[in-house]
């Protein structure tokens, strides 16, 4: 995705830059942090956002979202407590038309449309992942994660099938529709039921299981989360697990090493513009 995404209003062209997206995200982070502090909810920077805090003291330059993680109990309290007119929370538990197995908080003053998946239209967003327990044994863990991976595949089959235009995928689409008549939302909720079978509080190992990006590397000793420390993130100081070095090494290896230049781009495929630019007919350029 290019760093600049354009949209039209009344035949004039305006641009929403990567830095403007990050301004929206920082405003959202401030609101989220204040809410969690007020309600006693634990949360940590996660994934690429935590990597950005350590390596760049802020956003990874080419990133365009925020990743957060919360122990399952705090995550579920967030789903229950959060009500905000500007920053909307979407989750598979609360929204039947939402097919992602983790929550997102998104800015309703912006509009985002996915280009490669049939997913709910939202705005500039933060991903919020629940932290759950893991089985102790390797075989048990492998069986547990394979079950989660299968459920995630069923979710992905629902949200991606609209974009399988190639003729060779037609049979796959027909089979998926025939075999799995449940909605993506159903499988997203089912995935969460399986993921929280092992409780964060009672397990020696914990991690995020609702995204399969690093699924088999997410299992970490709970001691990583035994304390919270704060790291600079742009102009903010935000919470991270005390064992962030072990967490990042497990996920990324030598995480202080920058990736090759041809890999320095957003992992997302979407177009985004400001909702004040007009209605549904004002599509991005």
C-alpha atoms as a PDB file:
ATOM      1  CA  UNK A   1       0.000   0.000   0.000  1.00  0.00           C
ATOM      2  CA  UNK A   2       1.304   3.460  -0.808  1.00  0.00           C
ATOM      3  CA  UNK A   3       1.920   5.900   2.000  1.00  0.00           C
ATOM      4  CA  UNK A   4      -0.724   8.284   0.681  1.00  0.00           C
ATOM      5  CA  UNK A   5      -4.350   7.402   0.002  1.00  0.00           C
ATOM      6  CA  UNK A   6      -6.543   9.866  -1.893  1.00  0.00           C
ATOM      7  CA  UNK A   7     -10.207  10.657  -1.889  1.00  0.00           C
ATOM      8  CA  UNK A   8     -12.469  13.088  -3.733  1.00  0.00           C
ATOM      9  CA  UNK A   9     -14.926  15.680  -2.543  1.00  0.00           C
ATOM     10  CA  UNK A  10     -16.837  17.924  -4.922  1.00  0.00           C
ATOM     11  CA  UNK A  11     -14.307  17.218  -7.690  1.00  0.00           C
ATOM     12  CA  UNK A  12     -11.347  18.313  -5.555  1.00  0.00           C
ATOM     13  CA  UNK A  13      -8.637  15.893  -4.526  1.00  0.00           C
ATOM     14  CA  UNK A  14      -7.459  15.593  -0.937  1.00  0.00           C
ATOM     15  CA  UNK A  15      -4.922  13.257   0.614  1.00  0.00           C
ATOM     16  CA  UNK A  16      -4.825  11.356   3.889  1.00  0.00           C
ATOM     17  CA  UNK A  17      -1.152  10.707   4.566  1.00  0.00           C
ATOM     18  CA  UNK A  18       0.476   8.022   6.671  1.00  0.00           C
ATOM     19  CA  UNK A  19       1.325  10.666   9.275  1.00  0.00           C
ATOM     20  CA  UNK A  20      -2.318  11.815   9.399  1.00  0.00           C
ATOM     21  CA  UNK A  21      -3.430   8.221   9.977  1.00  0.00           C
ATOM     22  CA  UNK A  22      -0.971   8.067  12.874  1.00  0.00           C
ATOM     23  CA  UNK A  23      -2.359  11.293  14.329  1.00  0.00           C
ATOM     24  CA  UNK A  24      -5.781   9.645  14.447  1.00  0.00           C
ATOM     25  CA  UNK A  25      -4.247   6.563  16.070  1.00  0.00           C
ATOM     26  CA  UNK A  26      -2.445   8.578  18.746  1.00  0.00           C
ATOM     27  CA  UNK A  27      -5.651  10.424  19.639  1.00  0.00           C
ATOM     28  CA  UNK A  28      -7.388   7.062  19.909  1.00  0.00           C
ATOM     29  CA  UNK A  29      -4.588   5.667  22.075  1.00  0.00           C
ATOM     30  CA  UNK A  30      -4.892   8.561  24.518  1.00  0.00           C
ATOM     31  CA  UNK A  31      -8.642   7.979  24.823  1.00  0.00           C
ATOM     32  CA  UNK A  32      -8.128   4.224  25.242  1.00  0.00           C
ATOM     33  CA  UNK A  33      -5.377   4.619  27.855  1.00  0.00           C
ATOM     34  CA  UNK A  34      -7.482   7.020  29.926  1.00  0.00           C
ATOM     35  CA  UNK A  35     -10.449   4.656  29.755  1.00  0.00           C
ATOM     36  CA  UNK A  36      -8.402   1.627  30.840  1.00  0.00           C
ATOM     37  CA  UNK A  37      -6.766   3.540  33.705  1.00  0.00           C
ATOM     38  CA  UNK A  38     -10.157   4.771  34.901  1.00  0.00           C
ATOM     39  CA  UNK A  39     -11.654   1.258  34.812  1.00  0.00           C
ATOM     40  CA  UNK A  40      -8.624  -0.666  36.069  1.00  0.00           C
ATOM     41  CA  UNK A  41      -8.113  -2.633  32.854  1.00  0.00           C
ATOM     42  CA  UNK A  42      -4.715  -4.119  32.036  1.00  0.00           C
ATOM     43  CA  UNK A  43      -3.378  -3.728  28.506  1.00  0.00           C
ATOM     44  CA  UNK A  44      -0.021  -3.841  26.728  1.00  0.00           C
ATOM     45  CA  UNK A  45       1.412  -2.818  23.402  1.00  0.00           C
ATOM     46  CA  UNK A  46       1.572  -5.898  21.202  1.00  0.00           C
ATOM     47  CA  UNK A  47       3.235  -7.227  18.056  1.00  0.00           C
ATOM     48  CA  UNK A  48       4.444  -4.565  15.641  1.00  0.00           C
ATOM     49  CA  UNK A  49       3.383  -1.715  17.918  1.00  0.00           C
ATOM     50  CA  UNK A  50       5.536  -3.059  20.753  1.00  0.00           C
ATOM     51  CA  UNK A  51       8.361  -3.585  18.269  1.00  0.00           C
ATOM     52  CA  UNK A  52       7.940   0.029  17.168  1.00  0.00           C
ATOM     53  CA  UNK A  53       8.122   1.267  20.761  1.00  0.00           C
ATOM     54  CA  UNK A  54      11.398  -0.574  21.384  1.00  0.00           C
ATOM     55  CA  UNK A  55      13.108  -0.068  18.013  1.00  0.00           C
ATOM     56  CA  UNK A  56      11.711   3.324  16.920  1.00  0.00           C
ATOM     57  CA  UNK A  57      10.317   4.816  20.159  1.00  0.00           C
ATOM     58  CA  UNK A  58       7.000   5.060  18.337  1.00  0.00           C
ATOM     59  CA  UNK A  59       5.369   3.741  15.192  1.00  0.00           C
ATOM     60  CA  UNK A  60       7.253   1.569  12.754  1.00  0.00           C
ATOM     61  CA  UNK A  61       7.560   4.153   9.941  1.00  0.00           C
ATOM     62  CA  UNK A  62       5.540   2.140   7.401  1.00  0.00           C
ATOM     63  CA  UNK A  63       2.904   0.870   9.852  1.00  0.00           C
ATOM     64  CA  UNK A  64      -0.700   2.105   9.756  1.00  0.00           C
ATOM     65  CA  UNK A  65      -2.461   0.584  12.760  1.00  0.00           C
ATOM     66  CA  UNK A  66      -1.989  -0.159  16.471  1.00  0.00           C
ATOM     67  CA  UNK A  67      -1.807  -3.606  18.102  1.00  0.00           C
ATOM     68  CA  UNK A  68      -2.777  -4.056  21.759  1.00  0.00           C
ATOM     69  CA  UNK A  69      -3.271  -7.115  23.964  1.00  0.00           C
ATOM     70  CA  UNK A  70      -5.241  -7.623  27.163  1.00  0.00           C
ATOM     71  CA  UNK A  71      -5.692 -10.581  29.529  1.00  0.00           C
ATOM     72  CA  UNK A  72      -9.003 -12.209  28.589  1.00  0.00           C
ATOM     73  CA  UNK A  73     -10.828 -10.999  31.721  1.00  0.00           C
ATOM     74  CA  UNK A  74      -9.852  -7.377  31.028  1.00  0.00           C
ATOM     75  CA  UNK A  75     -10.653  -7.824  27.330  1.00  0.00           C
ATOM     76  CA  UNK A  76     -14.177  -9.039  28.084  1.00  0.00           C
ATOM     77  CA  UNK A  77     -14.703  -6.199  30.561  1.00  0.00           C
ATOM     78  CA  UNK A  78     -13.638  -3.781  27.824  1.00  0.00           C
ATOM     79  CA  UNK A  79     -16.250  -5.230  25.437  1.00  0.00           C
ATOM     80  CA  UNK A  80     -18.910  -4.721  28.098  1.00  0.00           C
ATOM     81  CA  UNK A  81     -17.879  -1.262  29.304  1.00  0.00           C
ATOM     82  CA  UNK A  82     -16.784   0.584  26.165  1.00  0.00           C
ATOM     83  CA  UNK A  83     -19.323   3.048  24.751  1.00  0.00           C
ATOM     84  CA  UNK A  84     -18.034   5.970  22.725  1.00  0.00           C
ATOM     85  CA  UNK A  85     -19.677   7.993  19.956  1.00  0.00           C
ATOM     86  CA  UNK A  86     -16.489   8.748  18.039  1.00  0.00           C
ATOM     87  CA  UNK A  87     -14.442   5.627  18.740  1.00  0.00           C
ATOM     88  CA  UNK A  88     -16.581   2.588  18.004  1.00  0.00           C
ATOM     89  CA  UNK A  89     -15.694  -0.882  19.309  1.00  0.00           C
ATOM     90  CA  UNK A  90     -16.533  -3.805  17.020  1.00  0.00           C
ATOM     91  CA  UNK A  91     -16.245  -7.450  18.046  1.00  0.00           C
ATOM     92  CA  UNK A  92     -17.670 -10.757  16.869  1.00  0.00           C
ATOM     93  CA  UNK A  93     -19.517 -11.035  20.188  1.00  0.00           C
ATOM     94  CA  UNK A  94     -21.272  -7.671  19.815  1.00  0.00           C
ATOM     95  CA  UNK A  95     -21.664  -7.329  16.030  1.00  0.00           C
ATOM     96  CA  UNK A  96     -23.190 -10.088  13.893  1.00  0.00           C
ATOM     97  CA  UNK A  97     -21.757  -8.583  10.705  1.00  0.00           C
ATOM     98  CA  UNK A  98     -18.205  -8.548  12.118  1.00  0.00           C
ATOM     99  CA  UNK A  99     -16.159 -11.634  11.214  1.00  0.00           C
ATOM    100  CA  UNK A 100     -12.808 -10.969  12.894  1.00  0.00           C
ATOM    101  CA  UNK A 101     -12.076 -13.027  16.055  1.00  0.00           C
ATOM    102  CA  UNK A 102     -10.561 -10.079  17.945  1.00  0.00           C
ATOM    103  CA  UNK A 103     -11.910  -6.613  18.678  1.00  0.00           C
ATOM    104  CA  UNK A 104     -11.179  -3.371  16.878  1.00  0.00           C
ATOM    105  CA  UNK A 105     -11.712   0.182  18.029  1.00  0.00           C
ATOM    106  CA  UNK A 106     -12.074   2.508  15.062  1.00  0.00           C
ATOM    107  CA  UNK A 107     -12.447   6.202  14.387  1.00  0.00           C
ATOM    108  CA  UNK A 108     -15.899   7.001  12.990  1.00  0.00           C
ATOM    109  CA  UNK A 109     -14.640  10.291  11.521  1.00  0.00           C
ATOM    110  CA  UNK A 110     -12.735   8.195   8.957  1.00  0.00           C
ATOM    111  CA  UNK A 111     -13.831   5.540   6.475  1.00  0.00           C
ATOM    112  CA  UNK A 112     -11.810   2.480   5.517  1.00  0.00           C
ATOM    113  CA  UNK A 113     -12.626  -0.053   2.834  1.00  0.00           C
ATOM    114  CA  UNK A 114     -10.752  -3.330   2.501  1.00  0.00           C
ATOM    115  CA  UNK A 115      -9.528  -4.203  -0.989  1.00  0.00           C
ATOM    116  CA  UNK A 116      -8.772  -7.926  -0.634  1.00  0.00           C
ATOM    117  CA  UNK A 117     -11.207  -9.181   2.014  1.00  0.00           C
ATOM    118  CA  UNK A 118     -14.963  -9.038   2.421  1.00  0.00           C
ATOM    119  CA  UNK A 119     -14.829  -7.467   5.876  1.00  0.00           C
ATOM    120  CA  UNK A 120     -16.942  -4.904   7.705  1.00  0.00           C
ATOM    121  CA  UNK A 121     -16.198  -1.320   6.662  1.00  0.00           C
ATOM    122  CA  UNK A 122     -14.701   0.575   9.577  1.00  0.00           C
ATOM    123  CA  UNK A 123     -12.237   3.475   9.964  1.00  0.00           C
ATOM    124  CA  UNK A 124      -8.656   4.020  11.149  1.00  0.00           C
ATOM    125  CA  UNK A 125      -8.365   1.241  13.732  1.00  0.00           C
ATOM    126  CA  UNK A 126      -6.576  -0.403  16.640  1.00  0.00           C
ATOM    127  CA  UNK A 127      -6.513  -4.211  16.917  1.00  0.00           C
ATOM    128  CA  UNK A 128      -7.150  -5.515  20.437  1.00  0.00           C
ATOM    129  CA  UNK A 129      -6.181  -9.133  21.113  1.00  0.00           C
ATOM    130  CA  UNK A 130      -7.199 -11.216  24.138  1.00  0.00           C
ATOM    131  CA  UNK A 131      -4.435 -13.009  26.036  1.00  0.00           C
ATOM    132  CA  UNK A 132      -5.292 -16.601  26.974  1.00  0.00           C
ATOM    133  CA  UNK A 133      -3.555 -19.543  28.567  1.00  0.00           C
ATOM    134  CA  UNK A 134      -1.761 -22.372  26.757  1.00  0.00           C
ATOM    135  CA  UNK A 135      -1.488 -26.073  27.596  1.00  0.00           C
ATOM    136  CA  UNK A 136       1.859 -26.988  29.143  1.00  0.00           C
ATOM    137  CA  UNK A 137       2.763 -29.993  26.978  1.00  0.00           C
ATOM    138  CA  UNK A 138       4.027 -29.619  23.407  1.00  0.00           C
ATOM    139  CA  UNK A 139       1.643 -32.206  21.919  1.00  0.00           C
ATOM    140  CA  UNK A 140      -1.356 -30.718  23.722  1.00  0.00           C
ATOM    141  CA  UNK A 141      -0.336 -27.280  22.501  1.00  0.00           C
ATOM    142  CA  UNK A 142       0.021 -28.456  18.907  1.00  0.00           C
ATOM    143  CA  UNK A 143      -3.440 -30.094  18.907  1.00  0.00           C
ATOM    144  CA  UNK A 144      -4.993 -27.014  20.531  1.00  0.00           C
ATOM    145  CA  UNK A 145      -3.416 -24.606  18.043  1.00  0.00           C
ATOM    146  CA  UNK A 146      -4.270 -26.755  15.021  1.00  0.00           C
ATOM    147  CA  UNK A 147      -7.910 -26.587  16.084  1.00  0.00           C
ATOM    148  CA  UNK A 148      -7.670 -22.801  16.308  1.00  0.00           C
ATOM    149  CA  UNK A 149      -5.905 -22.627  12.943  1.00  0.00           C
ATOM    150  CA  UNK A 150      -8.698 -24.675  11.343  1.00  0.00           C
ATOM    151  CA  UNK A 151     -11.358 -22.327  12.763  1.00  0.00           C
ATOM    152  CA  UNK A 152      -9.402 -19.310  11.552  1.00  0.00           C
ATOM    153  CA  UNK A 153      -9.286 -20.874   8.073  1.00  0.00           C
ATOM    154  CA  UNK A 154     -13.086 -21.098   8.122  1.00  0.00           C
ATOM    155  CA  UNK A 155     -13.299 -17.437   9.130  1.00  0.00           C
ATOM    156  CA  UNK A 156     -10.896 -16.511   6.321  1.00  0.00           C
ATOM    157  CA  UNK A 157     -12.877 -18.583   3.808  1.00  0.00           C
ATOM    158  CA  UNK A 158     -15.925 -16.450   4.558  1.00  0.00           C
ATOM    159  CA  UNK A 159     -14.227 -13.055   4.444  1.00  0.00           C
ATOM    160  CA  UNK A 160     -12.059 -13.749   1.392  1.00  0.00           C
ATOM    161  CA  UNK A 161     -14.382 -15.725  -0.895  1.00  0.00           C
ATOM    162  CA  UNK A 162     -15.858 -12.558  -2.451  1.00  0.00           C
ATOM    163  CA  UNK A 163     -12.423 -11.767  -3.840  1.00  0.00           C
ATOM    164  CA  UNK A 164     -11.631 -15.193  -5.330  1.00  0.00           C
ATOM    165  CA  UNK A 165     -12.219 -14.026  -8.913  1.00  0.00           C
ATOM    166  CA  UNK A 166      -9.959 -16.513 -10.670  1.00  0.00           C
ATOM    167  CA  UNK A 167     -11.732 -19.416 -12.421  1.00  0.00           C
ATOM    168  CA  UNK A 168      -9.596 -22.023 -10.655  1.00  0.00           C
ATOM    169  CA  UNK A 169     -11.032 -20.895  -7.309  1.00  0.00           C
ATOM    170  CA  UNK A 170     -14.672 -21.290  -8.394  1.00  0.00           C
ATOM    171  CA  UNK A 171     -14.873 -24.927  -7.269  1.00  0.00           C
ATOM    172  CA  UNK A 172     -13.253 -24.051  -3.934  1.00  0.00           C
ATOM    173  CA  UNK A 173     -15.854 -21.344  -3.382  1.00  0.00           C
ATOM    174  CA  UNK A 174     -18.710 -23.718  -4.174  1.00  0.00           C
ATOM    175  CA  UNK A 175     -17.322 -26.380  -1.834  1.00  0.00           C
ATOM    176  CA  UNK A 176     -16.848 -23.903   0.993  1.00  0.00           C
ATOM    177  CA  UNK A 177     -20.378 -22.620   0.656  1.00  0.00           C
ATOM    178  CA  UNK A 178     -21.730 -26.184   0.538  1.00  0.00           C
ATOM    179  CA  UNK A 179     -19.727 -27.650   3.402  1.00  0.00           C
ATOM    180  CA  UNK A 180     -19.690 -24.724   5.796  1.00  0.00           C
ATOM    181  CA  UNK A 181     -23.012 -22.938   5.860  1.00  0.00           C
ATOM    182  CA  UNK A 182     -22.290 -21.044   9.075  1.00  0.00           C
ATOM    183  CA  UNK A 183     -21.249 -17.397   8.917  1.00  0.00           C
ATOM    184  CA  UNK A 184     -17.749 -16.074   9.468  1.00  0.00           C
ATOM    185  CA  UNK A 185     -19.064 -14.500  12.669  1.00  0.00           C
ATOM    186  CA  UNK A 186     -20.099 -17.944  13.952  1.00  0.00           C
ATOM    187  CA  UNK A 187     -16.596 -19.346  13.418  1.00  0.00           C
ATOM    188  CA  UNK A 188     -14.979 -16.231  14.927  1.00  0.00           C
ATOM    189  CA  UNK A 189     -17.053 -16.692  18.080  1.00  0.00           C
ATOM    190  CA  UNK A 190     -16.302 -20.410  18.131  1.00  0.00           C
ATOM    191  CA  UNK A 191     -12.580 -19.686  17.840  1.00  0.00           C
ATOM    192  CA  UNK A 192     -12.799 -17.496  20.954  1.00  0.00           C
ATOM    193  CA  UNK A 193     -14.586 -20.252  22.878  1.00  0.00           C
ATOM    194  CA  UNK A 194     -11.737 -22.638  22.052  1.00  0.00           C
ATOM    195  CA  UNK A 195      -9.020 -20.024  22.722  1.00  0.00           C
ATOM    196  CA  UNK A 196     -10.240 -19.236  26.235  1.00  0.00           C
ATOM    197  CA  UNK A 197     -10.500 -22.887  27.286  1.00  0.00           C
ATOM    198  CA  UNK A 198      -7.163 -22.362  29.043  1.00  0.00           C
ATOM    199  CA  UNK A 199      -7.366 -19.472  31.505  1.00  0.00           C
ATOM    200  CA  UNK A 200      -4.750 -16.732  31.570  1.00  0.00           C
ATOM    201  CA  UNK A 201      -4.770 -16.681  35.382  1.00  0.00           C
ATOM    202  CA  UNK A 202      -4.182 -20.413  35.907  1.00  0.00           C
ATOM    203  CA  UNK A 203      -1.679 -21.285  33.145  1.00  0.00           C
ATOM    204  CA  UNK A 204       2.118 -21.167  33.157  1.00  0.00           C
ATOM    205  CA  UNK A 205       2.164 -20.167  29.492  1.00  0.00           C
ATOM    206  CA  UNK A 206       0.053 -17.487  27.840  1.00  0.00           C
ATOM    207  CA  UNK A 207      -0.270 -15.643  24.556  1.00  0.00           C
ATOM    208  CA  UNK A 208      -2.514 -14.374  21.763  1.00  0.00           C
ATOM    209  CA  UNK A 209      -4.402 -17.059  19.845  1.00  0.00           C
ATOM    210  CA  UNK A 210      -7.032 -15.109  17.892  1.00  0.00           C
ATOM    211  CA  UNK A 211      -4.578 -14.145  15.149  1.00  0.00           C
ATOM    212  CA  UNK A 212      -2.602 -16.787  13.272  1.00  0.00           C
ATOM    213  CA  UNK A 213       0.208 -14.491  12.085  1.00  0.00           C
ATOM    214  CA  UNK A 214       2.653 -15.795  14.737  1.00  0.00           C
ATOM    215  CA  UNK A 215       0.385 -18.446  16.244  1.00  0.00           C
ATOM    216  CA  UNK A 216       2.992 -21.110  17.061  1.00  0.00           C
ATOM    217  CA  UNK A 217       5.407 -18.480  18.433  1.00  0.00           C
ATOM    218  CA  UNK A 218       2.880 -16.796  20.707  1.00  0.00           C
ATOM    219  CA  UNK A 219       3.297 -19.238  23.601  1.00  0.00           C
ATOM    220  CA  UNK A 220       5.385 -17.516  26.278  1.00  0.00           C
ATOM    221  CA  UNK A 221       5.945 -17.951  30.028  1.00  0.00           C
ATOM    222  CA  UNK A 222       3.431 -15.899  32.000  1.00  0.00           C
ATOM    223  CA  UNK A 223       6.375 -14.429  33.934  1.00  0.00           C
ATOM    224  CA  UNK A 224       6.853 -12.118  30.931  1.00  0.00           C
ATOM    225  CA  UNK A 225       3.711 -10.318  32.152  1.00  0.00           C
ATOM    226  CA  UNK A 226       4.574 -10.391  35.872  1.00  0.00           C
ATOM    227  CA  UNK A 227       5.179  -6.640  35.873  1.00  0.00           C
ATOM    228  CA  UNK A 228       4.308  -3.690  33.674  1.00  0.00           C
ATOM    229  CA  UNK A 229       6.858  -1.132  32.512  1.00  0.00           C
ATOM    230  CA  UNK A 230       6.324   1.979  30.412  1.00  0.00           C
ATOM    231  CA  UNK A 231       8.180   2.827  27.212  1.00  0.00           C
ATOM    232  CA  UNK A 232       8.115   6.016  25.133  1.00  0.00           C
ATOM    233  CA  UNK A 233       5.820   5.835  22.133  1.00  0.00           C
ATOM    234  CA  UNK A 234       5.879   9.063  20.130  1.00  0.00           C
ATOM    235  CA  UNK A 235       4.889  11.680  22.754  1.00  0.00           C
ATOM    236  CA  UNK A 236       3.263   9.106  25.072  1.00  0.00           C
ATOM    237  CA  UNK A 237       4.496   6.570  27.623  1.00  0.00           C
ATOM    238  CA  UNK A 238       2.605   3.293  27.229  1.00  0.00           C
ATOM    239  CA  UNK A 239       2.561  -0.053  29.090  1.00  0.00           C
ATOM    240  CA  UNK A 240       4.501  -3.097  27.933  1.00  0.00           C
ATOM    241  CA  UNK A 241       5.207  -6.431  29.653  1.00  0.00           C
ATOM    242  CA  UNK A 242       8.430  -6.452  31.665  1.00  0.00           C
ATOM    243  CA  UNK A 243       9.667  -9.386  29.568  1.00  0.00           C
ATOM    244  CA  UNK A 244       9.235  -7.542  26.267  1.00  0.00           C
ATOM    245  CA  UNK A 245      12.732  -8.505  25.075  1.00  0.00           C
ATOM    246  CA  UNK A 246      11.953 -12.223  25.377  1.00  0.00           C
ATOM    247  CA  UNK A 247       8.522 -11.687  23.802  1.00  0.00           C
ATOM    248  CA  UNK A 248       9.903  -9.821  20.779  1.00  0.00           C
ATOM    249  CA  UNK A 249      12.814 -12.238  20.315  1.00  0.00           C
ATOM    250  CA  UNK A 250      10.415 -15.174  20.312  1.00  0.00           C
ATOM    251  CA  UNK A 251       8.202 -13.459  17.736  1.00  0.00           C
ATOM    252  CA  UNK A 252      10.763 -11.813  15.442  1.00  0.00           C
ATOM    253  CA  UNK A 253      14.241 -13.142  16.238  1.00  0.00           C
ATOM    254  CA  UNK A 254      16.781 -10.293  15.905  1.00  0.00           C
ATOM    255  CA  UNK A 255      14.062  -7.665  16.138  1.00  0.00           C
ATOM    256  CA  UNK A 256      16.401  -4.663  16.191  1.00  0.00           C
ATOM    257  CA  UNK A 257      17.512  -5.515  12.650  1.00  0.00           C
ATOM    258  CA  UNK A 258      15.493  -3.605  10.047  1.00  0.00           C
ATOM    259  CA  UNK A 259      13.845  -5.723   7.327  1.00  0.00           C
ATOM    260  CA  UNK A 260      14.996  -5.386   3.700  1.00  0.00           C
ATOM    261  CA  UNK A 261      13.723  -2.229   2.013  1.00  0.00           C
ATOM    262  CA  UNK A 262      11.322  -4.167  -0.215  1.00  0.00           C
ATOM    263  CA  UNK A 263       9.543  -5.461   2.916  1.00  0.00           C
ATOM    264  CA  UNK A 264       9.060  -2.039   4.489  1.00  0.00           C
ATOM    265  CA  UNK A 265       5.403  -1.554   3.651  1.00  0.00           C
ATOM    266  CA  UNK A 266       2.014  -1.897   5.301  1.00  0.00           C
ATOM    267  CA  UNK A 267       0.755  -5.431   5.905  1.00  0.00           C
ATOM    268  CA  UNK A 268      -2.807  -4.274   5.214  1.00  0.00           C
ATOM    269  CA  UNK A 269      -4.700  -3.859   1.955  1.00  0.00           C
ATOM    270  CA  UNK A 270      -7.207  -1.038   2.252  1.00  0.00           C
ATOM    271  CA  UNK A 271      -8.181   2.397   1.057  1.00  0.00           C
ATOM    272  CA  UNK A 272      -9.005   5.129   3.537  1.00  0.00           C
ATOM    273  CA  UNK A 273     -10.450   8.605   3.488  1.00  0.00           C
ATOM    274  CA  UNK A 274     -12.185  11.098   5.741  1.00  0.00           C
ATOM    275  CA  UNK A 275     -15.900  10.537   6.193  1.00  0.00           C
ATOM    276  CA  UNK A 276     -16.542  14.284   5.929  1.00  0.00           C
ATOM    277  CA  UNK A 277     -15.456  14.076   2.297  1.00  0.00           C
ATOM    278  CA  UNK A 278     -18.876  12.783   1.295  1.00  0.00           C
ATOM    279  CA  UNK A 279     -20.995   9.678   1.094  1.00  0.00           C
ATOM    280  CA  UNK A 280     -20.574   6.218  -0.357  1.00  0.00           C
ATOM    281  CA  UNK A 281     -20.352   7.566  -3.930  1.00  0.00           C
ATOM    282  CA  UNK A 282     -17.138   9.456  -3.240  1.00  0.00           C
ATOM    283  CA  UNK A 283     -14.795   6.525  -3.685  1.00  0.00           C
ATOM    284  CA  UNK A 284     -11.005   6.781  -3.186  1.00  0.00           C
ATOM    285  CA  UNK A 285      -8.923   7.593  -6.218  1.00  0.00           C
END
